[in-house]
Amino acid sequence: MDEKLLKHMAKNSLALMVLVIFLSSIISNSEQYKIFADSNQIKDDITGKNKEVGAGLPINKNTGKTGDTEAVNTSIRGLLGDKYLIIKKPDKTIYNINLEDLYMDRRIRLTITDLKEDKFNGTSIARVNQGYEFDGIPNKDTADTSVPVKAAKNEAEEKLRPYNASLSNDLKNKNILVPEVISATGKVTAYGTEPSKVTSDPVKSFNINYEQDKSSSLFTATIEIALDFIYAPILYQDDEYIYIDLKRPKDVYDKIVVIDAGHGGKDCGTFSQGEKYYEKDVNLSLITDIKEILDQEDIKVYYTRTTDKTIFLNPRVNFANDVEADLFISLHCNSSESAQPYGSEILYNEKQLGQGFESKDLAEIALEEITDVTHRVNRGLVPANEMVIVGKSKVPVALIEVAFMSNDEDLDFLLKEENKKKIAKAVHQIILRAFKEIEKDTE
């Protein structure tokens, strides 16, 4: 065959091969995009970009921008802390929103009324922690694990990098000191007192439910969100978004008190002769009057229970520790096998020493105020570190045994409504006097 013709055919073959490779590449890329688009990817309502649903991991932005937080109203942004939620509204309307803080369960509940459509969904809720963003369904595998990530130094470094090492290993490797707290489940978790050191999705799970009014056809949405810790949630909204700032309680409230109505639910506590009256009910009945008085004070009061609910001991004392309460008061009634003993006594933590206002200081005030209104015998202070509520408390604690249910005279006193109001006033005075002493220590 002619050499010139062979060279010409070779050139044509090479060109054909290049064309085939080029077309194959286009087809391959097109097919990859199709698979990507047809998998669990949806369009981000906030940024307009595609994102994975259900990962619960930081959003990996290739733009070096702040992602969802670009949409935050600048005036509201100035009010938000390092950790918050952004909920995209399906329409540009100011909603009627009720925010409930279900703090003993580490949950918040939003009830939104008069909605024209039922369009809140799993992609509506974005979360921000230390400038890093999370979206979709929270990742169950990492729900209890904080994910430390290196803070971006400039725009080129602002891509998020998931870090899969366990918290304990990472803290060991990085020499990051974060206080540990025993949670209600018994697990050791990091409390965000040094939030710049630990970054993770603050949301563990969420549920969205709808009810439709048949007459108006309007919807009520209930959004319940389980959080990784106890926060003081603050609600904001504009035309496009709902914002929930998740702040450490101590950063919001100057004075924090936890009041515990002992026992409850399946745990009846002690009882009167013939089991006609149960301690759990008497303890709870005191809360109504106490709350009515304390609601008038500039004091944040958390109640471990306000209903007949079973709550174990560890969650109660852990809660007081977690919110760094200034005062922890647990209300109880006493009992004896004999009907003779009567009067009031206060249990305290004798190991709280050298930390300013201590458990014994609170107990002394409590004993004075309670016996002043009961006019029953003063049975004194009782060291009780062996008791979970008292012994595990890291904050000033006083467990008040108001009176004996096994004694007829004490029981009569406990059951009268006028005396319950007196006890409530005594608790009020205990708190006011305690804060005066705390203020003296800090001067």
Protein backbone atom coordinates (compact mmCIF):
# COMPACT_ATOMS: atom_id res chain seq x y z
CA MET A 1 0.00 0.00 0.00
CA ASP A 2 1.20 3.53 -0.78
CA GLU A 3 3.19 5.04 2.18
CA LYS A 4 1.40 8.39 1.82
CA LEU A 5 -1.98 6.65 2.04
CA LEU A 6 -0.89 4.71 5.12
CA LYS A 7 0.12 7.93 6.90
CA HIS A 8 -3.24 9.49 6.01
CA MET A 9 -5.15 6.49 7.37
CA ALA A 10 -3.09 6.54 10.57
CA LYS A 11 -3.93 10.22 11.14
CA ASN A 12 -7.62 9.50 10.60
CA SER A 13 -7.53 6.55 13.02
CA LEU A 14 -5.84 8.66 15.69
CA ALA A 15 -8.42 11.42 15.28
CA LEU A 16 -11.22 8.86 15.51
CA MET A 17 -9.73 7.41 18.72
CA VAL A 18 -9.52 10.88 20.31
CA LEU A 19 -13.13 11.56 19.33
CA VAL A 20 -14.29 8.25 20.82
CA ILE A 21 -12.45 8.95 24.09
CA PHE A 22 -13.91 12.46 24.24
CA LEU A 23 -17.47 11.24 23.59
CA SER A 24 -17.06 8.44 26.14
CA SER A 25 -15.94 10.97 28.71
CA ILE A 26 -19.00 13.17 28.08
CA ILE A 27 -21.37 10.19 28.26
CA SER A 28 -19.69 8.95 31.43
CA ASN A 29 -19.86 12.34 33.13
CA SER A 30 -23.47 12.77 32.05
CA GLU A 31 -24.36 9.37 33.48
CA GLN A 32 -22.58 10.14 36.76
CA TYR A 33 -24.53 13.37 37.06
CA LYS A 34 -27.75 11.50 36.37
CA ILE A 35 -27.01 8.97 39.09
CA PHE A 36 -26.07 11.80 41.46
CA ALA A 37 -29.29 13.65 40.74
CA ASP A 38 -31.46 10.57 41.08
CA SER A 39 -29.99 9.38 44.39
CA ASN A 40 -30.78 10.88 47.79
CA GLN A 41 -29.86 14.37 46.62
CA ILE A 42 -32.32 17.23 46.73
CA LYS A 43 -32.16 20.94 46.16
CA ASP A 44 -31.24 23.00 49.20
CA ASP A 45 -34.13 25.37 49.90
CA ILE A 46 -31.78 27.89 51.46
CA THR A 47 -28.75 27.92 49.14
CA GLY A 48 -30.34 26.50 45.99
CA LYS A 49 -27.56 23.91 45.78
CA ASN A 50 -27.85 20.15 45.78
CA LYS A 51 -27.14 18.48 49.08
CA GLU A 52 -27.32 15.01 50.58
CA VAL A 53 -30.31 14.20 52.75
CA GLY A 54 -29.90 12.13 55.85
CA ALA A 55 -26.15 12.41 56.24
CA GLY A 56 -26.27 14.60 59.29
CA LEU A 57 -22.68 15.64 58.58
CA PRO A 58 -21.22 19.09 58.03
CA ILE A 59 -22.15 20.49 54.61
CA ASN A 60 -19.03 20.37 52.42
CA LYS A 61 -19.09 23.67 50.54
CA ASN A 62 -16.76 23.98 47.56
CA THR A 63 -17.31 27.71 47.35
CA GLY A 64 -15.54 28.59 50.57
CA LYS A 65 -18.63 30.54 51.63
CA THR A 66 -20.61 30.15 54.79
CA GLY A 67 -23.44 28.28 53.10
CA ASP A 68 -26.82 28.45 54.80
CA THR A 69 -25.73 31.25 57.10
CA GLU A 70 -25.52 33.58 54.09
CA ALA A 71 -29.32 33.75 54.29
CA VAL A 72 -29.38 34.90 57.90
CA ASN A 73 -30.92 38.32 58.46
CA THR A 74 -27.94 40.50 59.40
CA SER A 75 -29.77 42.21 62.26
CA ILE A 76 -30.74 38.84 63.72
CA ARG A 77 -27.28 37.41 63.04
CA GLY A 78 -25.87 39.93 65.49
CA LEU A 79 -28.09 38.46 68.21
CA LEU A 80 -27.24 34.81 67.57
CA GLY A 81 -24.49 32.98 69.40
CA ASP A 82 -22.17 30.25 68.16
CA LYS A 83 -24.86 27.57 68.06
CA TYR A 84 -28.31 27.96 66.50
CA LEU A 85 -30.99 26.47 64.24
CA ILE A 86 -32.40 27.96 61.03
CA ILE A 87 -35.79 26.74 59.83
CA LYS A 88 -36.79 27.70 56.30
CA LYS A 89 -40.37 28.96 56.02
CA PRO A 90 -42.45 27.58 53.14
CA ASP A 91 -43.97 31.03 52.63
CA LYS A 92 -43.00 34.59 53.52
CA THR A 93 -45.22 35.09 56.55
CA ILE A 94 -44.78 36.01 60.19
CA TYR A 95 -46.07 32.98 62.09
CA ASN A 96 -47.81 32.43 65.39
CA ILE A 97 -45.18 30.32 67.14
CA ASN A 98 -45.14 28.83 70.62
CA LEU A 99 -41.75 27.56 71.84
CA GLU A 100 -41.73 25.03 74.69
CA ASP A 101 -38.49 24.16 76.45
CA LEU A 102 -38.78 20.47 77.43
CA TYR A 103 -35.51 20.75 79.30
CA MET A 104 -35.67 17.53 81.34
CA ASP A 105 -35.86 15.62 78.05
CA ARG A 106 -33.36 17.88 76.27
CA ARG A 107 -35.99 18.77 73.70
CA ILE A 108 -37.71 21.84 72.35
CA ARG A 109 -41.16 21.91 70.77
CA LEU A 110 -42.38 24.47 68.25
CA THR A 111 -46.12 24.77 67.64
CA ILE A 112 -46.90 26.84 64.55
CA THR A 113 -50.55 27.63 63.85
CA ASP A 114 -52.64 28.91 60.92
CA LEU A 115 -50.42 27.51 58.15
CA LYS A 116 -51.83 27.41 54.64
CA GLU A 117 -49.67 24.44 53.62
CA ASP A 118 -47.93 21.48 55.24
CA LYS A 119 -44.52 22.02 53.69
CA PHE A 120 -42.08 21.86 56.60
CA ASN A 121 -39.92 18.77 56.08
CA GLY A 122 -36.58 17.20 56.90
CA THR A 123 -34.72 19.62 54.67
CA SER A 124 -36.18 22.70 56.35
CA ILE A 125 -34.00 22.55 59.46
CA ALA A 126 -30.35 23.60 59.22
CA ARG A 127 -28.04 23.70 62.24
CA VAL A 128 -24.97 25.82 62.87
CA ASN A 129 -22.29 25.09 65.46
CA GLN A 130 -19.17 27.28 65.67
CA GLY A 131 -19.68 28.39 62.06
CA TYR A 132 -20.03 24.82 60.74
CA GLU A 133 -23.33 23.73 59.25
CA PHE A 134 -25.36 20.53 59.41
CA ASP A 135 -28.49 19.61 57.52
CA GLY A 136 -30.79 16.73 56.66
CA ILE A 137 -31.62 13.96 59.10
CA PRO A 138 -29.10 13.83 61.98
CA ASN A 139 -26.62 10.99 61.65
CA LYS A 140 -27.57 8.37 64.25
CA ASP A 141 -24.07 6.87 64.18
CA THR A 142 -22.53 10.13 65.34
CA ALA A 143 -25.43 11.55 67.33
CA ASP A 144 -23.62 11.10 70.65
CA THR A 145 -20.13 11.90 69.36
CA SER A 146 -18.76 15.39 69.11
CA VAL A 147 -16.82 15.98 65.91
CA PRO A 148 -13.86 18.33 66.40
CA VAL A 149 -12.86 20.16 63.22
CA LYS A 150 -10.06 22.60 62.55
CA ALA A 151 -11.30 26.17 62.33
CA ALA A 152 -10.90 27.71 58.87
CA LYS A 153 -8.24 30.42 58.65
CA ASN A 154 -9.33 31.86 55.32
CA GLU A 155 -11.83 31.30 52.52
CA ALA A 156 -9.69 28.66 50.88
CA GLU A 157 -9.79 26.58 54.07
CA GLU A 158 -13.50 26.90 54.81
CA LYS A 159 -14.41 23.48 53.41
CA LEU A 160 -15.68 21.26 56.20
CA ARG A 161 -13.83 18.06 56.90
CA PRO A 162 -15.70 15.38 58.89
CA TYR A 163 -13.47 13.86 61.56
CA ASN A 164 -14.43 10.29 62.41
CA ALA A 165 -12.23 9.69 65.44
CA SER A 166 -14.00 9.24 68.76
CA LEU A 167 -14.23 12.15 71.13
CA SER A 168 -12.05 10.62 73.79
CA ASN A 169 -9.24 9.77 71.36
CA ASP A 170 -9.37 13.17 69.75
CA LEU A 171 -9.25 14.96 73.07
CA LYS A 172 -6.25 12.86 74.00
CA ASN A 173 -4.44 13.52 70.71
CA LYS A 174 -5.23 17.23 70.58
CA ASN A 175 -4.79 17.89 74.33
CA ILE A 176 -8.18 19.65 74.34
CA LEU A 177 -9.57 19.99 77.83
CA VAL A 178 -13.36 19.84 77.91
CA PRO A 179 -15.21 19.16 81.18
CA GLU A 180 -17.04 15.85 81.21
CA VAL A 181 -20.52 15.36 82.64
CA ILE A 182 -22.37 12.11 83.31
CA SER A 183 -25.56 12.35 81.29
CA ALA A 184 -28.94 11.02 82.34
CA THR A 185 -28.24 7.86 80.32
CA GLY A 186 -25.02 7.25 82.20
CA LYS A 187 -22.86 8.15 79.20
CA VAL A 188 -19.98 10.55 79.54
CA THR A 189 -20.55 13.55 77.28
CA ALA A 190 -18.67 16.77 76.70
CA TYR A 191 -20.36 19.89 77.96
CA GLY A 192 -19.82 22.88 75.74
CA THR A 193 -18.09 25.16 78.24
CA GLU A 194 -15.32 25.41 75.66
CA PRO A 195 -17.46 25.31 72.51
CA SER A 196 -14.65 26.49 70.26
CA LYS A 197 -12.89 23.18 70.93
CA VAL A 198 -15.69 20.78 69.99
CA THR A 199 -17.97 21.00 66.98
CA SER A 200 -20.83 18.59 66.30
CA ASP A 201 -24.44 18.52 65.19
CA PRO A 202 -26.43 19.95 68.14
CA VAL A 203 -29.57 18.13 66.93
CA LYS A 204 -29.93 14.41 67.64
CA SER A 205 -33.33 13.96 65.93
CA PHE A 206 -36.51 15.79 65.04
CA ASN A 207 -40.15 15.05 64.24
CA ILE A 208 -42.62 17.15 62.27
CA ASN A 209 -46.35 16.49 62.64
CA TYR A 210 -49.37 18.23 61.16
CA GLU A 211 -53.00 18.62 62.12
CA GLN A 212 -55.52 20.21 59.77
CA ASP A 213 -58.57 22.13 60.89
CA LYS A 214 -61.49 20.87 58.79
CA SER A 215 -63.43 24.11 58.93
CA SER A 216 -60.60 26.48 57.97
CA SER A 217 -58.35 23.97 56.14
CA LEU A 218 -55.41 25.56 57.97
CA PHE A 219 -52.61 23.45 59.40
CA THR A 220 -50.89 23.36 62.76
CA ALA A 221 -47.32 22.11 62.64
CA THR A 222 -45.60 20.62 65.67
CA ILE A 223 -41.83 20.40 65.34
CA GLU A 224 -40.10 18.55 68.17
CA ILE A 225 -36.31 18.67 68.21
CA ALA A 226 -34.06 16.52 70.41
CA LEU A 227 -30.85 18.33 71.34
CA ASP A 228 -27.44 17.13 72.44
CA PHE A 229 -27.47 19.14 75.64
CA ILE A 230 -29.50 21.51 77.80
CA TYR A 231 -29.79 24.98 76.31
CA ALA A 232 -31.64 28.20 76.94
CA PRO A 233 -33.43 28.48 73.55
CA ILE A 234 -34.25 31.95 72.23
CA LEU A 235 -36.68 32.35 69.30
CA TYR A 236 -36.47 34.91 66.47
CA GLN A 237 -38.18 35.08 63.09
CA ASP A 238 -38.34 37.18 59.95
CA ASP A 239 -40.34 36.76 56.74
CA GLU A 240 -38.24 33.84 55.50
CA TYR A 241 -36.78 31.99 58.49
CA ILE A 242 -37.27 30.91 62.06
CA TYR A 243 -34.13 31.16 64.18
CA ILE A 244 -33.53 29.37 67.48
CA ASP A 245 -30.46 30.47 69.36
CA LEU A 246 -29.03 27.71 71.57
CA LYS A 247 -27.26 29.33 74.48
CA ARG A 248 -25.68 27.99 77.64
CA PRO A 249 -28.15 28.74 80.47
CA LYS A 250 -25.48 30.54 82.50
CA ASP A 251 -24.92 32.92 79.57
CA VAL A 252 -28.59 33.90 79.59
CA TYR A 253 -29.65 33.88 83.25
CA ASP A 254 -27.90 35.62 86.15
CA LYS A 255 -29.63 33.45 88.76
CA ILE A 256 -30.57 29.79 88.28
CA VAL A 257 -32.48 27.62 90.74
CA VAL A 258 -33.53 23.98 90.31
CA ILE A 259 -36.47 22.84 92.44
CA ASP A 260 -37.12 19.13 92.67
CA ALA A 261 -40.45 17.67 93.79
CA GLY A 262 -39.23 14.34 95.13
CA HIS A 263 -40.43 11.00 93.76
CA GLY A 264 -43.31 10.84 91.23
CA GLY A 265 -45.02 8.46 88.84
CA LYS A 266 -44.33 4.84 89.79
CA ASP A 267 -42.18 6.00 92.70
CA CYS A 268 -44.67 7.01 95.40
CA GLY A 269 -42.05 7.76 98.07
CA THR A 270 -43.32 7.31 101.61
CA PHE A 271 -46.99 7.34 102.61
CA SER A 272 -49.39 7.98 105.44
CA GLN A 273 -50.96 5.40 107.72
CA GLY A 274 -53.20 3.16 105.60
CA GLU A 275 -51.52 4.50 102.43
CA LYS A 276 -54.23 7.11 101.97
CA TYR A 277 -51.75 9.83 101.02
CA TYR A 278 -48.53 9.44 99.06
CA GLU A 279 -45.44 11.57 99.43
CA LYS A 280 -45.10 12.10 95.67
CA ASP A 281 -48.47 13.92 95.64
CA VAL A 282 -47.72 16.11 98.66
CA ASN A 283 -44.34 17.11 97.21
CA LEU A 284 -45.92 17.99 93.88
CA SER A 285 -48.74 19.96 95.50
CA LEU A 286 -46.16 22.36 96.97
CA ILE A 287 -44.82 23.24 93.51
CA THR A 288 -47.96 25.11 92.39
CA ASP A 289 -47.71 27.72 95.15
CA ILE A 290 -43.92 27.93 94.89
CA LYS A 291 -44.11 28.55 91.15
CA GLU A 292 -46.76 31.23 91.57
CA ILE A 293 -44.45 33.19 93.87
CA LEU A 294 -41.18 32.62 92.02
CA ASP A 295 -42.68 33.57 88.67
CA GLN A 296 -42.68 37.14 90.00
CA GLU A 297 -38.91 37.10 90.59
CA ASP A 298 -36.10 37.76 88.15
CA ILE A 299 -34.80 34.24 88.70
CA LYS A 300 -34.72 31.36 86.25
CA VAL A 301 -36.33 28.41 87.99
CA TYR A 302 -36.23 24.92 86.53
CA TYR A 303 -38.60 22.30 87.95
CA THR A 304 -37.62 18.65 87.59
CA ARG A 305 -41.30 17.77 87.38
CA THR A 306 -44.62 19.59 87.37
CA THR A 307 -46.72 16.47 86.79
CA ASP A 308 -46.97 12.99 88.28
CA LYS A 309 -44.09 11.66 86.22
CA THR A 310 -41.46 9.03 86.95
CA ILE A 311 -37.99 10.59 86.92
CA PHE A 312 -35.00 8.68 88.24
CA LEU A 313 -32.57 10.22 90.70
CA ASN A 314 -29.55 10.61 88.42
CA PRO A 315 -31.34 12.72 85.78
CA ARG A 316 -32.47 15.12 88.52
CA VAL A 317 -29.07 15.77 90.03
CA ASN A 318 -27.34 15.66 86.64
CA PHE A 319 -29.71 18.34 85.41
CA ALA A 320 -28.84 20.66 88.30
CA ASN A 321 -25.15 20.10 87.60
CA ASP A 322 -25.53 20.57 83.84
CA VAL A 323 -27.28 23.94 84.09
CA GLU A 324 -24.74 25.01 86.73
CA ALA A 325 -27.52 25.92 89.13
CA ASP A 326 -26.77 28.43 91.86
CA LEU A 327 -29.15 26.55 94.17
CA PHE A 328 -30.65 23.06 94.11
CA ILE A 329 -33.62 22.46 96.44
CA SER A 330 -35.29 19.05 96.70
CA LEU A 331 -38.64 18.84 98.53
CA HIS A 332 -39.57 15.71 100.46
CA CYS A 333 -41.65 14.38 103.34
CA ASN A 334 -40.22 12.17 106.07
CA SER A 335 -41.49 8.93 107.57
CA SER A 336 -40.82 6.46 110.35
CA GLU A 337 -42.04 3.02 111.37
CA SER A 338 -43.19 4.70 114.55
CA ALA A 339 -45.85 7.41 114.59
CA GLN A 340 -43.93 9.35 117.24
CA PRO A 341 -41.18 11.22 115.31
CA TYR A 342 -42.17 14.60 113.93
CA GLY A 343 -40.59 17.84 112.76
CA SER A 344 -38.34 19.14 110.00
CA GLU A 345 -34.77 18.34 109.01
CA ILE A 346 -32.47 19.29 106.15
CA LEU A 347 -30.04 16.99 104.36
CA TYR A 348 -26.87 18.48 102.89
CA ASN A 349 -23.60 17.61 101.14
CA GLU A 350 -20.83 17.82 103.73
CA LYS A 351 -18.08 17.45 101.11
CA GLN A 352 -18.81 20.79 99.44
CA LEU A 353 -16.01 22.75 101.05
CA GLY A 354 -13.96 25.76 100.04
CA GLN A 355 -16.20 26.87 97.17
CA GLY A 356 -17.83 29.95 98.66
CA PHE A 357 -21.52 29.45 99.33
CA GLU A 358 -21.88 25.74 100.07
CA SER A 359 -24.52 23.08 100.62
CA LYS A 360 -24.34 23.48 104.41
CA ASP A 361 -24.89 27.23 104.11
CA LEU A 362 -28.05 26.63 102.08
CA ALA A 363 -29.20 23.93 104.50
CA GLU A 364 -28.84 26.24 107.52
CA ILE A 365 -30.98 28.91 105.86
CA ALA A 366 -33.55 26.29 104.82
CA LEU A 367 -33.83 24.88 108.32
CA GLU A 368 -34.46 28.31 109.84
CA GLU A 369 -37.14 29.26 107.31
CA ILE A 370 -38.98 25.92 107.28
CA THR A 371 -39.16 25.51 111.06
CA ASP A 372 -40.27 29.13 111.35
CA VAL A 373 -43.45 28.37 109.36
CA THR A 374 -44.12 24.78 110.46
CA HIS A 375 -43.58 25.47 114.17
CA ARG A 376 -42.63 21.83 114.42
CA VAL A 377 -39.55 20.51 116.17
CA ASN A 378 -36.19 21.43 114.65
CA ARG A 379 -34.48 18.10 113.94
CA GLY A 380 -31.33 19.79 112.67
CA LEU A 381 -28.98 19.29 109.74
CA VAL A 382 -28.16 15.81 108.46
CA PRO A 383 -25.04 15.03 106.37
CA ALA A 384 -26.30 12.76 103.57
CA ASN A 385 -23.59 12.18 100.99
CA GLU A 386 -24.75 8.59 100.56
CA MET A 387 -27.96 9.85 98.95
CA VAL A 388 -27.78 10.33 95.16
CA ILE A 389 -29.51 13.73 95.06
CA VAL A 390 -27.25 15.14 97.76
CA GLY A 391 -23.99 13.28 97.24
CA LYS A 392 -23.72 13.73 93.47
CA SER A 393 -24.63 17.40 93.49
CA LYS A 394 -21.80 19.70 92.44
CA VAL A 395 -23.88 22.77 93.28
CA PRO A 396 -25.22 23.96 96.66
CA VAL A 397 -27.98 21.50 97.54
CA ALA A 398 -30.53 21.21 100.35
CA LEU A 399 -32.94 18.29 100.60
CA ILE A 400 -35.83 19.51 102.76
CA GLU A 401 -37.73 16.92 104.79
CA VAL A 402 -40.66 19.21 105.55
CA ALA A 403 -42.51 16.99 108.03
CA PHE A 404 -43.40 13.35 108.83
CA MET A 405 -46.27 11.71 106.98
CA SER A 406 -46.20 8.94 109.59
CA ASN A 407 -47.12 11.44 112.32
CA ASP A 408 -50.77 12.54 112.46
CA GLU A 409 -50.11 16.15 113.49
CA ASP A 410 -47.40 16.61 110.85
CA LEU A 411 -49.63 15.05 108.22
CA ASP A 412 -52.51 17.37 109.10
CA PHE A 413 -50.16 20.32 108.70
CA LEU A 414 -48.96 19.09 105.28
CA LEU A 415 -52.47 18.60 103.89
CA LYS A 416 -53.87 22.06 104.67
CA GLU A 417 -53.78 24.47 101.73
CA GLU A 418 -52.92 27.45 103.93
CA ASN A 419 -49.85 25.62 105.21
CA LYS A 420 -48.73 24.73 101.70
CA LYS A 421 -48.71 28.45 100.94
CA LYS A 422 -46.63 29.04 104.06
CA ILE A 423 -44.11 26.43 102.92
CA ALA A 424 -44.00 28.08 99.49
CA LYS A 425 -43.24 31.44 101.11
CA ALA A 426 -40.52 29.78 103.18
CA VAL A 427 -38.90 28.35 100.03
CA HIS A 428 -39.09 31.82 98.49
CA GLN A 429 -37.29 33.30 101.50
CA ILE A 430 -34.68 30.54 101.42
CA ILE A 431 -33.84 31.45 97.83
CA LEU A 432 -33.74 35.21 98.43
CA ARG A 433 -31.53 34.86 101.51
CA ALA A 434 -29.22 32.43 99.73
CA PHE A 435 -28.67 34.83 96.83
CA LYS A 436 -27.87 37.63 99.27
CA GLU A 437 -25.17 35.43 100.78
CA ILE A 438 -23.86 34.49 97.34
CA GLU A 439 -23.63 38.17 96.42
CA LYS A 440 -21.64 38.85 99.59
CA ASP A 441 -19.16 36.12 98.65
CA THR A 442 -18.64 37.62 95.19
CA GLU A 443 -18.11 41.20 96.38
